[in-house]
Amino acid sequence: MKIKIGFENEDGSEEIKVFESLKLKGRALRRYLEVQDVLEDAQRVGTFNTSHFDLMMEFIVECFGNKFTTDELLDGVDIEDIYLHYKTLSKEIQDKTTKKMKNISKN
């Protein structure tokens, strides 16, 4: 997965940098499950706050190898795209896990 982040140059112009996510390994799945548990609990009680949003952003940054910060993500990505990036990474992890499990059950 790729993500585009806008960075403001000293002269005020914007520079767009493209980052590619790391190859997602077991640690990404574990972290995804941790984040998902917290978000599901928040949804159950009907409260979604800044700590939940921060958790999603931290997860995104981790999946991209900390090549940018959560502040850079906040400042350089359109608001609607932050949640979209989180969901895209989540789906990628779920799809890879499901595919592997199907292959295992075939054997």
PDB file of N, CA and C in Angstrom:
ATOM      1  N   MET A   1       0.836  -1.177   0.000  1.00  0.00           N
ATOM      2  CA  MET A   1       0.000   0.000   0.000  1.00  0.00           C
ATOM      3  C   MET A   1       0.883   1.242   0.000  1.00  0.00           C
ATOM      4  N   LYS A   2       0.411   2.260  -0.668  1.00  0.00           N
ATOM      5  CA  LYS A   2       1.149   3.527  -0.713  1.00  0.00           C
ATOM      6  C   LYS A   2       0.303   4.626  -0.092  1.00  0.00           C
ATOM      7  N   ILE A   3       0.997   5.622   0.432  1.00  0.00           N
ATOM      8  CA  ILE A   3       0.330   6.775   1.018  1.00  0.00           C
ATOM      9  C   ILE A   3       1.061   8.030   0.564  1.00  0.00           C
ATOM     10  N   LYS A   4       0.284   9.055   0.227  1.00  0.00           N
ATOM     11  CA  LYS A   4       0.866  10.344  -0.174  1.00  0.00           C
ATOM     12  C   LYS A   4       0.653  11.332   0.965  1.00  0.00           C
ATOM     13  N   ILE A   5       1.745  11.998   1.352  1.00  0.00           N
ATOM     14  CA  ILE A   5       1.678  12.984   2.430  1.00  0.00           C
ATOM     15  C   ILE A   5       2.277  14.289   1.932  1.00  0.00           C
ATOM     16  N   GLY A   6       1.558  15.363   2.178  1.00  0.00           N
ATOM     17  CA  GLY A   6       2.040  16.684   1.800  1.00  0.00           C
ATOM     18  C   GLY A   6       2.880  17.298   2.911  1.00  0.00           C
ATOM     19  N   PHE A   7       4.033  17.813   2.552  1.00  0.00           N
ATOM     20  CA  PHE A   7       4.934  18.482   3.492  1.00  0.00           C
ATOM     21  C   PHE A   7       5.110  19.919   3.035  1.00  0.00           C
ATOM     22  N   GLU A   8       5.044  20.848   3.985  1.00  0.00           N
ATOM     23  CA  GLU A   8       5.223  22.256   3.651  1.00  0.00           C
ATOM     24  C   GLU A   8       6.705  22.599   3.644  1.00  0.00           C
ATOM     25  N   ASN A   9       7.160  23.162   2.528  1.00  0.00           N
ATOM     26  CA  ASN A   9       8.548  23.613   2.401  1.00  0.00           C
ATOM     27  C   ASN A   9       8.710  24.966   3.091  1.00  0.00           C
ATOM     28  N   GLU A  10       9.947  25.360   3.275  1.00  0.00           N
ATOM     29  CA  GLU A  10      10.242  26.641   3.929  1.00  0.00           C
ATOM     30  C   GLU A  10       9.637  27.825   3.186  1.00  0.00           C
ATOM     31  N   ASP A  11       9.531  27.709   1.869  1.00  0.00           N
ATOM     32  CA  ASP A  11       8.963  28.815   1.083  1.00  0.00           C
ATOM     33  C   ASP A  11       7.426  28.795   1.047  1.00  0.00           C
ATOM     34  N   GLY A  12       6.833  27.853   1.785  1.00  0.00           N
ATOM     35  CA  GLY A  12       5.377  27.766   1.846  1.00  0.00           C
ATOM     36  C   GLY A  12       4.753  26.848   0.820  1.00  0.00           C
ATOM     37  N   SER A  13       5.547  26.377  -0.135  1.00  0.00           N
ATOM     38  CA  SER A  13       5.015  25.451  -1.138  1.00  0.00           C
ATOM     39  C   SER A  13       4.871  24.055  -0.517  1.00  0.00           C
ATOM     40  N   GLU A  14       4.050  23.252  -1.156  1.00  0.00           N
ATOM     41  CA  GLU A  14       3.827  21.902  -0.657  1.00  0.00           C
ATOM     42  C   GLU A  14       4.568  20.889  -1.514  1.00  0.00           C
ATOM     43  N   GLU A  15       5.206  19.957  -0.851  1.00  0.00           N
ATOM     44  CA  GLU A  15       5.885  18.851  -1.522  1.00  0.00           C
ATOM     45  C   GLU A  15       5.169  17.567  -1.122  1.00  0.00           C
ATOM     46  N   ILE A  16       4.784  16.787  -2.111  1.00  0.00           N
ATOM     47  CA  ILE A  16       4.105  15.519  -1.858  1.00  0.00           C
ATOM     48  C   ILE A  16       5.145  14.403  -1.873  1.00  0.00           C
ATOM     49  N   LYS A  17       5.162  13.625  -0.788  1.00  0.00           N
ATOM     50  CA  LYS A  17       6.043  12.463  -0.720  1.00  0.00           C
ATOM     51  C   LYS A  17       5.181  11.214  -0.673  1.00  0.00           C
ATOM     52  N   VAL A  18       5.657  10.175  -1.355  1.00  0.00           N
ATOM     53  CA  VAL A  18       4.936   8.908  -1.404  1.00  0.00           C
ATOM     54  C   VAL A  18       5.712   7.891  -0.578  1.00  0.00           C
ATOM     55  N   PHE A  19       4.983   7.194   0.293  1.00  0.00           N
ATOM     56  CA  PHE A  19       5.581   6.173   1.139  1.00  0.00           C
ATOM     57  C   PHE A  19       4.904   4.842   0.859  1.00  0.00           C
ATOM     58  N   GLU A  20       5.678   3.781   0.960  1.00  0.00           N
ATOM     59  CA  GLU A  20       5.135   2.442   0.759  1.00  0.00           C
ATOM     60  C   GLU A  20       5.188   1.685   2.076  1.00  0.00           C
ATOM     61  N   SER A  21       4.113   0.957   2.371  1.00  0.00           N
ATOM     62  CA  SER A  21       4.062   0.218   3.630  1.00  0.00           C
ATOM     63  C   SER A  21       5.092  -0.903   3.624  1.00  0.00           C
ATOM     64  N   LEU A  22       5.474  -1.291   4.823  1.00  0.00           N
ATOM     65  CA  LEU A  22       6.396  -2.407   4.976  1.00  0.00           C
ATOM     66  C   LEU A  22       5.687  -3.693   4.574  1.00  0.00           C
ATOM     67  N   LYS A  23       6.466  -4.732   4.365  1.00  0.00           N
ATOM     68  CA  LYS A  23       5.853  -6.042   4.194  1.00  0.00           C
ATOM     69  C   LYS A  23       5.241  -6.389   5.547  1.00  0.00           C
ATOM     70  N   LEU A  24       3.948  -6.609   5.555  1.00  0.00           N
ATOM     71  CA  LEU A  24       3.250  -6.814   6.815  1.00  0.00           C
ATOM     72  C   LEU A  24       3.518  -8.212   7.345  1.00  0.00           C
ATOM     73  N   LYS A  25       4.001  -8.252   8.566  1.00  0.00           N
ATOM     74  CA  LYS A  25       4.366  -9.521   9.207  1.00  0.00           C
ATOM     75  C   LYS A  25       3.464  -9.754  10.407  1.00  0.00           C
ATOM     76  N   GLY A  26       3.807 -10.743  11.192  1.00  0.00           N
ATOM     77  CA  GLY A  26       3.007 -11.117  12.358  1.00  0.00           C
ATOM     78  C   GLY A  26       2.796  -9.988  13.344  1.00  0.00           C
ATOM     79  N   ARG A  27       3.792  -9.154  13.524  1.00  0.00           N
ATOM     80  CA  ARG A  27       3.667  -8.031  14.461  1.00  0.00           C
ATOM     81  C   ARG A  27       2.551  -7.075  14.020  1.00  0.00           C
ATOM     82  N   ALA A  28       2.401  -6.887  12.713  1.00  0.00           N
ATOM     83  CA  ALA A  28       1.331  -6.018  12.205  1.00  0.00           C
ATOM     84  C   ALA A  28      -0.039  -6.618  12.528  1.00  0.00           C
ATOM     85  N   LEU A  29      -0.169  -7.927  12.393  1.00  0.00           N
ATOM     86  CA  LEU A  29      -1.434  -8.584  12.728  1.00  0.00           C
ATOM     87  C   LEU A  29      -1.729  -8.427  14.215  1.00  0.00           C
ATOM     88  N   ARG A  30      -0.725  -8.653  15.035  1.00  0.00           N
ATOM     89  CA  ARG A  30      -0.908  -8.521  16.483  1.00  0.00           C
ATOM     90  C   ARG A  30      -1.328  -7.102  16.844  1.00  0.00           C
ATOM     91  N   ARG A  31      -0.645  -6.135  16.292  1.00  0.00           N
ATOM     92  CA  ARG A  31      -0.954  -4.732  16.581  1.00  0.00           C
ATOM     93  C   ARG A  31      -2.346  -4.377  16.062  1.00  0.00           C
ATOM     94  N   TYR A  32      -2.686  -4.864  14.878  1.00  0.00           N
ATOM     95  CA  TYR A  32      -4.017  -4.625  14.323  1.00  0.00           C
ATOM     96  C   TYR A  32      -5.092  -5.158  15.277  1.00  0.00           C
ATOM     97  N   LEU A  33      -4.890  -6.368  15.789  1.00  0.00           N
ATOM     98  CA  LEU A  33      -5.872  -6.961  16.699  1.00  0.00           C
ATOM     99  C   LEU A  33      -6.004  -6.149  17.985  1.00  0.00           C
ATOM    100  N   GLU A  34      -4.881  -5.638  18.494  1.00  0.00           N
ATOM    101  CA  GLU A  34      -4.919  -4.779  19.683  1.00  0.00           C
ATOM    102  C   GLU A  34      -5.752  -3.524  19.412  1.00  0.00           C
ATOM    103  N   VAL A  35      -5.445  -2.870  18.312  1.00  0.00           N
ATOM    104  CA  VAL A  35      -6.150  -1.635  17.955  1.00  0.00           C
ATOM    105  C   VAL A  35      -7.630  -1.924  17.723  1.00  0.00           C
ATOM    106  N   GLN A  36      -7.910  -3.001  17.026  1.00  0.00           N
ATOM    107  CA  GLN A  36      -9.294  -3.349  16.711  1.00  0.00           C
ATOM    108  C   GLN A  36     -10.093  -3.630  17.981  1.00  0.00           C
ATOM    109  N   ASP A  37      -9.491  -4.303  18.963  1.00  0.00           N
ATOM    110  CA  ASP A  37     -10.174  -4.554  20.239  1.00  0.00           C
ATOM    111  C   ASP A  37     -10.585  -3.245  20.908  1.00  0.00           C
ATOM    112  N   VAL A  38      -9.671  -2.291  20.946  1.00  0.00           N
ATOM    113  CA  VAL A  38      -9.956  -0.993  21.569  1.00  0.00           C
ATOM    114  C   VAL A  38     -11.066  -0.267  20.809  1.00  0.00           C
ATOM    115  N   LEU A  39     -10.986  -0.283  19.483  1.00  0.00           N
ATOM    116  CA  LEU A  39     -11.993   0.418  18.679  1.00  0.00           C
ATOM    117  C   LEU A  39     -13.366  -0.242  18.782  1.00  0.00           C
ATOM    118  N   GLU A  40     -13.405  -1.567  18.851  1.00  0.00           N
ATOM    119  CA  GLU A  40     -14.684  -2.263  19.002  1.00  0.00           C
ATOM    120  C   GLU A  40     -15.303  -1.968  20.362  1.00  0.00           C
ATOM    121  N   ASP A  41     -14.474  -1.910  21.413  1.00  0.00           N
ATOM    122  CA  ASP A  41     -14.975  -1.544  22.742  1.00  0.00           C
ATOM    123  C   ASP A  41     -15.567  -0.139  22.714  1.00  0.00           C
ATOM    124  N   ALA A  42     -14.883   0.786  22.051  1.00  0.00           N
ATOM    125  CA  ALA A  42     -15.369   2.166  21.954  1.00  0.00           C
ATOM    126  C   ALA A  42     -16.697   2.216  21.205  1.00  0.00           C
ATOM    127  N   GLN A  43     -16.802   1.424  20.159  1.00  0.00           N
ATOM    128  CA  GLN A  43     -18.041   1.404  19.382  1.00  0.00           C
ATOM    129  C   GLN A  43     -19.187   0.824  20.212  1.00  0.00           C
ATOM    130  N   ARG A  44     -18.884  -0.204  21.001  1.00  0.00           N
ATOM    131  CA  ARG A  44     -19.904  -0.837  21.830  1.00  0.00           C
ATOM    132  C   ARG A  44     -20.519   0.158  22.825  1.00  0.00           C
ATOM    133  N   VAL A  45     -19.672   0.982  23.435  1.00  0.00           N
ATOM    134  CA  VAL A  45     -20.178   1.949  24.418  1.00  0.00           C
ATOM    135  C   VAL A  45     -20.555   3.283  23.782  1.00  0.00           C
ATOM    136  N   GLY A  46     -20.290   3.422  22.503  1.00  0.00           N
ATOM    137  CA  GLY A  46     -20.702   4.615  21.776  1.00  0.00           C
ATOM    138  C   GLY A  46     -19.841   5.843  21.998  1.00  0.00           C
ATOM    139  N   THR A  47     -18.578   5.633  22.328  1.00  0.00           N
ATOM    140  CA  THR A  47     -17.676   6.783  22.492  1.00  0.00           C
ATOM    141  C   THR A  47     -16.432   6.589  21.648  1.00  0.00           C
ATOM    142  N   PHE A  48     -16.199   7.532  20.797  1.00  0.00           N
ATOM    143  CA  PHE A  48     -14.996   7.547  19.975  1.00  0.00           C
ATOM    144  C   PHE A  48     -14.344   8.888  20.240  1.00  0.00           C
ATOM    145  N   ASN A  49     -13.107   8.867  20.768  1.00  0.00           N
ATOM    146  CA  ASN A  49     -12.460  10.122  21.140  1.00  0.00           C
ATOM    147  C   ASN A  49     -11.073  10.235  20.507  1.00  0.00           C
ATOM    148  N   THR A  50     -10.362  11.267  20.890  1.00  0.00           N
ATOM    149  CA  THR A  50      -9.055  11.518  20.274  1.00  0.00           C
ATOM    150  C   THR A  50      -8.068  10.392  20.515  1.00  0.00           C
ATOM    151  N   SER A  51      -8.162   9.713  21.649  1.00  0.00           N
ATOM    152  CA  SER A  51      -7.217   8.612  21.892  1.00  0.00           C
ATOM    153  C   SER A  51      -7.437   7.474  20.895  1.00  0.00           C
ATOM    154  N   HIS A  52      -8.672   7.260  20.487  1.00  0.00           N
ATOM    155  CA  HIS A  52      -8.960   6.225  19.486  1.00  0.00           C
ATOM    156  C   HIS A  52      -8.434   6.639  18.110  1.00  0.00           C
ATOM    157  N   PHE A  53      -8.627   7.895  17.781  1.00  0.00           N
ATOM    158  CA  PHE A  53      -8.118   8.425  16.513  1.00  0.00           C
ATOM    159  C   PHE A  53      -6.590   8.358  16.495  1.00  0.00           C
ATOM    160  N   ASP A  54      -5.965   8.735  17.617  1.00  0.00           N
ATOM    161  CA  ASP A  54      -4.504   8.664  17.731  1.00  0.00           C
ATOM    162  C   ASP A  54      -4.006   7.235  17.552  1.00  0.00           C
ATOM    163  N   LEU A  55      -4.736   6.283  18.117  1.00  0.00           N
ATOM    164  CA  LEU A  55      -4.358   4.875  18.004  1.00  0.00           C
ATOM    165  C   LEU A  55      -4.372   4.421  16.545  1.00  0.00           C
ATOM    166  N   MET A  56      -5.387   4.831  15.795  1.00  0.00           N
ATOM    167  CA  MET A  56      -5.442   4.496  14.366  1.00  0.00           C
ATOM    168  C   MET A  56      -4.256   5.096  13.623  1.00  0.00           C
ATOM    169  N   MET A  57      -3.947   6.353  13.933  1.00  0.00           N
ATOM    170  CA  MET A  57      -2.830   7.008  13.248  1.00  0.00           C
ATOM    171  C   MET A  57      -1.500   6.349  13.608  1.00  0.00           C
ATOM    172  N   GLU A  58      -1.318   5.984  14.875  1.00  0.00           N
ATOM    173  CA  GLU A  58      -0.089   5.300  15.284  1.00  0.00           C
ATOM    174  C   GLU A  58       0.069   3.986  14.528  1.00  0.00           C
ATOM    175  N   PHE A  59      -1.037   3.278  14.354  1.00  0.00           N
ATOM    176  CA  PHE A  59      -1.013   2.016  13.614  1.00  0.00           C
ATOM    177  C   PHE A  59      -0.574   2.243  12.166  1.00  0.00           C
ATOM    178  N   ILE A  60      -1.114   3.266  11.540  1.00  0.00           N
ATOM    179  CA  ILE A  60      -0.727   3.594  10.162  1.00  0.00           C
ATOM    180  C   ILE A  60       0.766   3.880  10.092  1.00  0.00           C
ATOM    181  N   VAL A  61       1.247   4.732  10.985  1.00  0.00           N
ATOM    182  CA  VAL A  61       2.667   5.105  11.001  1.00  0.00           C
ATOM    183  C   VAL A  61       3.540   3.865  11.192  1.00  0.00           C
ATOM    184  N   GLU A  62       3.150   2.972  12.094  1.00  0.00           N
ATOM    185  CA  GLU A  62       3.920   1.743  12.338  1.00  0.00           C
ATOM    186  C   GLU A  62       3.974   0.866  11.090  1.00  0.00           C
ATOM    187  N   CYS A  63       2.857   0.754  10.373  1.00  0.00           N
ATOM    188  CA  CYS A  63       2.815  -0.084   9.170  1.00  0.00           C
ATOM    189  C   CYS A  63       3.694   0.474   8.055  1.00  0.00           C
ATOM    190  N   PHE A  64       4.036   1.742   8.147  1.00  0.00           N
ATOM    191  CA  PHE A  64       4.925   2.365   7.170  1.00  0.00           C
ATOM    192  C   PHE A  64       6.331   2.532   7.733  1.00  0.00           C
ATOM    193  N   GLY A  65       6.652   1.788   8.783  1.00  0.00           N
ATOM    194  CA  GLY A  65       8.010   1.767   9.316  1.00  0.00           C
ATOM    195  C   GLY A  65       8.444   3.073   9.962  1.00  0.00           C
ATOM    196  N   ASN A  66       7.485   3.838  10.494  1.00  0.00           N
ATOM    197  CA  ASN A  66       7.799   5.116  11.154  1.00  0.00           C
ATOM    198  C   ASN A  66       8.571   6.067  10.244  1.00  0.00           C
ATOM    199  N   LYS A  67       8.274   6.019   8.944  1.00  0.00           N
ATOM    200  CA  LYS A  67       8.947   6.906   7.980  1.00  0.00           C
ATOM    201  C   LYS A  67       8.400   8.326   8.045  1.00  0.00           C
ATOM    202  N   PHE A  68       7.297   8.501   8.745  1.00  0.00           N
ATOM    203  CA  PHE A  68       6.705   9.808   8.996  1.00  0.00           C
ATOM    204  C   PHE A  68       6.058   9.741  10.375  1.00  0.00           C
ATOM    205  N   THR A  69       5.688  10.890  10.904  1.00  0.00           N
ATOM    206  CA  THR A  69       5.109  10.950  12.246  1.00  0.00           C
ATOM    207  C   THR A  69       3.591  11.088  12.171  1.00  0.00           C
ATOM    208  N   THR A  70       2.949  10.915  13.318  1.00  0.00           N
ATOM    209  CA  THR A  70       1.503  11.125  13.353  1.00  0.00           C
ATOM    210  C   THR A  70       1.171  12.588  13.066  1.00  0.00           C
ATOM    211  N   ASP A  71       2.016  13.505  13.509  1.00  0.00           N
ATOM    212  CA  ASP A  71       1.791  14.923  13.200  1.00  0.00           C
ATOM    213  C   ASP A  71       1.883  15.177  11.699  1.00  0.00           C
ATOM    214  N   GLU A  72       2.854  14.554  11.040  1.00  0.00           N
ATOM    215  CA  GLU A  72       2.983  14.712   9.586  1.00  0.00           C
ATOM    216  C   GLU A  72       1.779  14.101   8.874  1.00  0.00           C
ATOM    217  N   LEU A  73       1.286  13.003   9.402  1.00  0.00           N
ATOM    218  CA  LEU A  73       0.084  12.383   8.847  1.00  0.00           C
ATOM    219  C   LEU A  73      -1.114  13.325   9.009  1.00  0.00           C
ATOM    220  N   LEU A  74      -1.263  13.898  10.193  1.00  0.00           N
ATOM    221  CA  LEU A  74      -2.361  14.838  10.457  1.00  0.00           C
ATOM    222  C   LEU A  74      -2.310  16.059   9.554  1.00  0.00           C
ATOM    223  N   ASP A  75      -1.116  16.599   9.390  1.00  0.00           N
ATOM    224  CA  ASP A  75      -0.955  17.833   8.625  1.00  0.00           C
ATOM    225  C   ASP A  75      -0.897  17.619   7.117  1.00  0.00           C
ATOM    226  N   GLY A  76      -0.537  16.406   6.688  1.00  0.00           N
ATOM    227  CA  GLY A  76      -0.280  16.195   5.273  1.00  0.00           C
ATOM    228  C   GLY A  76      -1.269  15.336   4.519  1.00  0.00           C
ATOM    229  N   VAL A  77      -2.308  14.838   5.220  1.00  0.00           N
ATOM    230  CA  VAL A  77      -3.290  13.963   4.578  1.00  0.00           C
ATOM    231  C   VAL A  77      -4.681  14.536   4.835  1.00  0.00           C
ATOM    232  N   ASP A  78      -5.525  14.515   3.828  1.00  0.00           N
ATOM    233  CA  ASP A  78      -6.903  14.987   3.999  1.00  0.00           C
ATOM    234  C   ASP A  78      -7.607  14.172   5.079  1.00  0.00           C
ATOM    235  N   ILE A  79      -8.452  14.830   5.825  1.00  0.00           N
ATOM    236  CA  ILE A  79      -9.128  14.225   6.974  1.00  0.00           C
ATOM    237  C   ILE A  79      -9.835  12.915   6.628  1.00  0.00           C
ATOM    238  N   GLU A  80     -10.534  12.896   5.502  1.00  0.00           N
ATOM    239  CA  GLU A  80     -11.296  11.691   5.156  1.00  0.00           C
ATOM    240  C   GLU A  80     -10.388  10.523   4.773  1.00  0.00           C
ATOM    241  N   ASP A  81      -9.152  10.807   4.417  1.00  0.00           N
ATOM    242  CA  ASP A  81      -8.241   9.749   3.987  1.00  0.00           C
ATOM    243  C   ASP A  81      -7.567   9.016   5.145  1.00  0.00           C
ATOM    244  N   ILE A  82      -7.520   9.623   6.317  1.00  0.00           N
ATOM    245  CA  ILE A  82      -6.859   8.955   7.445  1.00  0.00           C
ATOM    246  C   ILE A  82      -7.603   7.673   7.793  1.00  0.00           C
ATOM    247  N   TYR A  83      -8.917   7.761   7.970  1.00  0.00           N
ATOM    248  CA  TYR A  83      -9.702   6.569   8.280  1.00  0.00           C
ATOM    249  C   TYR A  83      -9.659   5.579   7.122  1.00  0.00           C
ATOM    250  N   LEU A  84      -9.686   6.081   5.906  1.00  0.00           N
ATOM    251  CA  LEU A  84      -9.604   5.218   4.726  1.00  0.00           C
ATOM    252  C   LEU A  84      -8.290   4.429   4.713  1.00  0.00           C
ATOM    253  N   HIS A  85      -7.184   5.081   5.044  1.00  0.00           N
ATOM    254  CA  HIS A  85      -5.892   4.386   5.090  1.00  0.00           C
ATOM    255  C   HIS A  85      -5.885   3.308   6.177  1.00  0.00           C
ATOM    256  N   TYR A  86      -6.480   3.621   7.316  1.00  0.00           N
ATOM    257  CA  TYR A  86      -6.564   2.626   8.391  1.00  0.00           C
ATOM    258  C   TYR A  86      -7.367   1.411   7.918  1.00  0.00           C
ATOM    259  N   LYS A  87      -8.517   1.653   7.314  1.00  0.00           N
ATOM    260  CA  LYS A  87      -9.363   0.550   6.849  1.00  0.00           C
ATOM    261  C   LYS A  87      -8.692  -0.248   5.732  1.00  0.00           C
ATOM    262  N   THR A  88      -7.953   0.420   4.861  1.00  0.00           N
ATOM    263  CA  THR A  88      -7.250  -0.275   3.779  1.00  0.00           C
ATOM    264  C   THR A  88      -6.182  -1.202   4.350  1.00  0.00           C
ATOM    265  N   LEU A  89      -5.413  -0.709   5.313  1.00  0.00           N
ATOM    266  CA  LEU A  89      -4.407  -1.558   5.961  1.00  0.00           C
ATOM    267  C   LEU A  89      -5.074  -2.723   6.689  1.00  0.00           C
ATOM    268  N   SER A  90      -6.176  -2.451   7.361  1.00  0.00           N
ATOM    269  CA  SER A  90      -6.910  -3.495   8.074  1.00  0.00           C
ATOM    270  C   SER A  90      -7.367  -4.585   7.117  1.00  0.00           C
ATOM    271  N   LYS A  91      -7.928  -4.163   5.989  1.00  0.00           N
ATOM    272  CA  LYS A  91      -8.409  -5.133   4.998  1.00  0.00           C
ATOM    273  C   LYS A  91      -7.257  -5.946   4.428  1.00  0.00           C
ATOM    274  N   GLU A  92      -6.134  -5.291   4.181  1.00  0.00           N
ATOM    275  CA  GLU A  92      -4.968  -5.997   3.653  1.00  0.00           C
ATOM    276  C   GLU A  92      -4.512  -7.083   4.627  1.00  0.00           C
ATOM    277  N   ILE A  93      -4.478  -6.768   5.896  1.00  0.00           N
ATOM    278  CA  ILE A  93      -4.076  -7.743   6.912  1.00  0.00           C
ATOM    279  C   ILE A  93      -5.099  -8.867   6.995  1.00  0.00           C
ATOM    280  N   GLN A  94      -6.373  -8.532   7.018  1.00  0.00           N
ATOM    281  CA  GLN A  94      -7.423  -9.549   7.084  1.00  0.00           C
ATOM    282  C   GLN A  94      -7.383 -10.463   5.868  1.00  0.00           C
ATOM    283  N   ASP A  95      -7.224  -9.885   4.680  1.00  0.00           N
ATOM    284  CA  ASP A  95      -7.187 -10.682   3.453  1.00  0.00           C
ATOM    285  C   ASP A  95      -6.009 -11.645   3.443  1.00  0.00           C
ATOM    286  N   LYS A  96      -4.839 -11.162   3.853  1.00  0.00           N
ATOM    287  CA  LYS A  96      -3.660 -12.030   3.878  1.00  0.00           C
ATOM    288  C   LYS A  96      -3.839 -13.167   4.873  1.00  0.00           C
ATOM    289  N   THR A  97      -4.398 -12.855   6.025  1.00  0.00           N
ATOM    290  CA  THR A  97      -4.613 -13.870   7.053  1.00  0.00           C
ATOM    291  C   THR A  97      -5.635 -14.897   6.588  1.00  0.00           C
ATOM    292  N   THR A  98      -6.730 -14.430   6.011  1.00  0.00           N
ATOM    293  CA  THR A  98      -7.775 -15.325   5.527  1.00  0.00           C
ATOM    294  C   THR A  98      -7.249 -16.226   4.416  1.00  0.00           C
ATOM    295  N   LYS A  99      -6.503 -15.660   3.493  1.00  0.00           N
ATOM    296  CA  LYS A  99      -5.943 -16.444   2.386  1.00  0.00           C
ATOM    297  C   LYS A  99      -5.030 -17.544   2.918  1.00  0.00           C
ATOM    298  N   LYS A 100      -4.193 -17.208   3.873  1.00  0.00           N
ATOM    299  CA  LYS A 100      -3.265 -18.191   4.438  1.00  0.00           C
ATOM    300  C   LYS A 100      -4.035 -19.300   5.156  1.00  0.00           C
ATOM    301  N   MET A 101      -5.074 -18.930   5.893  1.00  0.00           N
ATOM    302  CA  MET A 101      -5.866 -19.923   6.618  1.00  0.00           C
ATOM    303  C   MET A 101      -6.583 -20.857   5.648  1.00  0.00           C
ATOM    304  N   LYS A 102      -7.070 -20.321   4.524  1.00  0.00           N
ATOM    305  CA  LYS A 102      -7.725 -21.170   3.529  1.00  0.00           C
ATOM    306  C   LYS A 102      -6.731 -22.157   2.932  1.00  0.00           C
ATOM    307  N   ASN A 103      -5.512 -21.695   2.669  1.00  0.00           N
ATOM    308  CA  ASN A 103      -4.485 -22.579   2.126  1.00  0.00           C
ATOM    309  C   ASN A 103      -4.129 -23.682   3.111  1.00  0.00           C
ATOM    310  N   ILE A 104      -4.083 -23.343   4.381  1.00  0.00           N
ATOM    311  CA  ILE A 104      -3.760 -24.340   5.408  1.00  0.00           C
ATOM    312  C   ILE A 104      -4.869 -25.381   5.490  1.00  0.00           C
ATOM    313  N   SER A 105      -6.124 -24.950   5.459  1.00  0.00           N
ATOM    314  CA  SER A 105      -7.231 -25.893   5.592  1.00  0.00           C
ATOM    315  C   SER A 105      -7.390 -26.783   4.364  1.00  0.00           C
ATOM    316  N   LYS A 106      -6.849 -26.383   3.217  1.00  0.00           N
ATOM    317  CA  LYS A 106      -6.885 -27.229   2.021  1.00  0.00           C
ATOM    318  C   LYS A 106      -5.951 -28.424   2.162  1.00  0.00           C
ATOM    319  N   ASN A 107      -4.888 -28.238   2.918  1.00  0.00           N
ATOM    320  CA  ASN A 107      -3.874 -29.298   3.037  1.00  0.00           C
ATOM    321  C   ASN A 107      -4.200 -30.257   4.110  1.00  0.00           C
TER     322      ASN A 107
END
